[in-house]
Amino acid sequence: MYLAELQELASVEEQFAESLLQMAEVASHPALKDALVHHREQTEIQKERLLSLLQKHRADPTAHTDQACRR
């Protein structure tokens, strides 16, 4: 269950990072664009932490994809 949750969180972080990038690309206000880019950077760091944990447990990070966030 622990690994499944980590896999789901990694999936969510990946999807969120993609969404933040898309939002930053269309943002017209410079401060908003900067905030979205910064938040994406933080999201990528969190995703890397999750992937590192999964790697330590020899778990496949792509074994679970969170469907709630998919379009």
C-alpha atoms as a PDB file:
ATOM      1  CA  MET A   1       0.000   0.000   0.000  1.00  0.00           C
ATOM      2  CA  TYR A   2       2.884   2.365   0.826  1.00  0.00           C
ATOM      3  CA  LEU A   3       4.488   1.837  -2.568  1.00  0.00           C
ATOM      4  CA  ALA A   4       1.166   2.202  -4.378  1.00  0.00           C
ATOM      5  CA  GLU A   5       0.643   5.555  -2.674  1.00  0.00           C
ATOM      6  CA  LEU A   6       4.135   6.701  -3.627  1.00  0.00           C
ATOM      7  CA  GLN A   7       3.495   5.620  -7.221  1.00  0.00           C
ATOM      8  CA  GLU A   8       0.207   7.509  -7.264  1.00  0.00           C
ATOM      9  CA  LEU A   9       1.828  10.633  -5.822  1.00  0.00           C
ATOM     10  CA  ALA A  10       4.604  10.479  -8.421  1.00  0.00           C
ATOM     11  CA  SER A  11       1.956  10.253 -11.130  1.00  0.00           C
ATOM     12  CA  VAL A  12       0.046  13.206  -9.688  1.00  0.00           C
ATOM     13  CA  GLU A  13       3.210  15.306  -9.439  1.00  0.00           C
ATOM     14  CA  GLU A  14       4.087  14.519 -13.071  1.00  0.00           C
ATOM     15  CA  GLN A  15       0.623  15.505 -14.273  1.00  0.00           C
ATOM     16  CA  PHE A  16       0.626  18.638 -12.138  1.00  0.00           C
ATOM     17  CA  ALA A  17       4.030  19.701 -13.476  1.00  0.00           C
ATOM     18  CA  GLU A  18       2.709  19.359 -17.022  1.00  0.00           C
ATOM     19  CA  SER A  19      -0.358  21.439 -16.153  1.00  0.00           C
ATOM     20  CA  LEU A  20       1.726  24.150 -14.503  1.00  0.00           C
ATOM     21  CA  LEU A  21       3.885  24.383 -17.614  1.00  0.00           C
ATOM     22  CA  GLN A  22       0.817  24.747 -19.828  1.00  0.00           C
ATOM     23  CA  MET A  23      -0.612  27.435 -17.551  1.00  0.00           C
ATOM     24  CA  ALA A  24       2.697  29.318 -17.494  1.00  0.00           C
ATOM     25  CA  GLU A  25       2.850  29.278 -21.288  1.00  0.00           C
ATOM     26  CA  VAL A  26      -0.516  31.028 -21.606  1.00  0.00           C
ATOM     27  CA  ALA A  27      -0.242  33.343 -18.596  1.00  0.00           C
ATOM     28  CA  SER A  28      -0.096  36.962 -19.663  1.00  0.00           C
ATOM     29  CA  HIS A  29       0.851  38.590 -16.352  1.00  0.00           C
ATOM     30  CA  PRO A  30       4.621  38.327 -15.709  1.00  0.00           C
ATOM     31  CA  ALA A  31       4.238  37.775 -11.956  1.00  0.00           C
ATOM     32  CA  LEU A  32       1.747  34.970 -12.525  1.00  0.00           C
ATOM     33  CA  LYS A  33       3.987  33.380 -15.152  1.00  0.00           C
ATOM     34  CA  ASP A  34       6.962  33.545 -12.752  1.00  0.00           C
ATOM     35  CA  ALA A  35       4.923  32.061  -9.907  1.00  0.00           C
ATOM     36  CA  LEU A  36       3.743  29.167 -12.078  1.00  0.00           C
ATOM     37  CA  VAL A  37       7.269  28.454 -13.311  1.00  0.00           C
ATOM     38  CA  HIS A  38       8.603  28.539  -9.743  1.00  0.00           C
ATOM     39  CA  HIS A  39       5.833  26.237  -8.532  1.00  0.00           C
ATOM     40  CA  ARG A  40       6.601  23.843 -11.396  1.00  0.00           C
ATOM     41  CA  GLU A  41      10.251  23.762 -10.340  1.00  0.00           C
ATOM     42  CA  GLN A  42       9.198  22.876  -6.793  1.00  0.00           C
ATOM     43  CA  THR A  43       6.825  20.217  -8.112  1.00  0.00           C
ATOM     44  CA  GLU A  44       9.653  18.664 -10.137  1.00  0.00           C
ATOM     45  CA  ILE A  45      11.823  18.531  -7.010  1.00  0.00           C
ATOM     46  CA  GLN A  46       9.040  16.782  -5.105  1.00  0.00           C
ATOM     47  CA  LYS A  47       8.544  14.331  -7.977  1.00  0.00           C
ATOM     48  CA  GLU A  48      12.272  13.513  -7.941  1.00  0.00           C
ATOM     49  CA  ARG A  49      12.096  12.828  -4.192  1.00  0.00           C
ATOM     50  CA  LEU A  50       9.222  10.421  -4.748  1.00  0.00           C
ATOM     51  CA  LEU A  51      11.051   8.691  -7.594  1.00  0.00           C
ATOM     52  CA  SER A  52      14.106   8.338  -5.376  1.00  0.00           C
ATOM     53  CA  LEU A  53      12.039   6.637  -2.679  1.00  0.00           C
ATOM     54  CA  LEU A  54      10.524   4.288  -5.221  1.00  0.00           C
ATOM     55  CA  GLN A  55      13.949   3.483  -6.619  1.00  0.00           C
ATOM     56  CA  LYS A  56      15.231   2.625  -3.137  1.00  0.00           C
ATOM     57  CA  HIS A  57      12.391   0.106  -2.845  1.00  0.00           C
ATOM     58  CA  ARG A  58      13.007  -1.177  -6.391  1.00  0.00           C
ATOM     59  CA  ALA A  59       9.449  -0.250  -7.319  1.00  0.00           C
ATOM     60  CA  ASP A  60       8.360   0.761 -10.802  1.00  0.00           C
ATOM     61  CA  PRO A  61       7.363   4.444 -10.653  1.00  0.00           C
ATOM     62  CA  THR A  62       5.092   4.018 -13.675  1.00  0.00           C
ATOM     63  CA  ALA A  63       3.212   0.999 -12.316  1.00  0.00           C
ATOM     64  CA  HIS A  64       0.335   3.195 -11.200  1.00  0.00           C
ATOM     65  CA  THR A  65      -1.139   6.201 -12.976  1.00  0.00           C
ATOM     66  CA  ASP A  66      -3.569   8.376 -11.099  1.00  0.00           C
ATOM     67  CA  GLN A  67      -6.670   8.600 -13.292  1.00  0.00           C
ATOM     68  CA  ALA A  68      -8.366  11.344 -11.295  1.00  0.00           C
ATOM     69  CA  CYS A  69      -6.019  13.931 -12.769  1.00  0.00           C
ATOM     70  CA  ARG A  70      -6.109  12.674 -16.371  1.00  0.00           C
ATOM     71  CA  ARG A  71      -8.185  14.504 -18.918  1.00  0.00           C
END
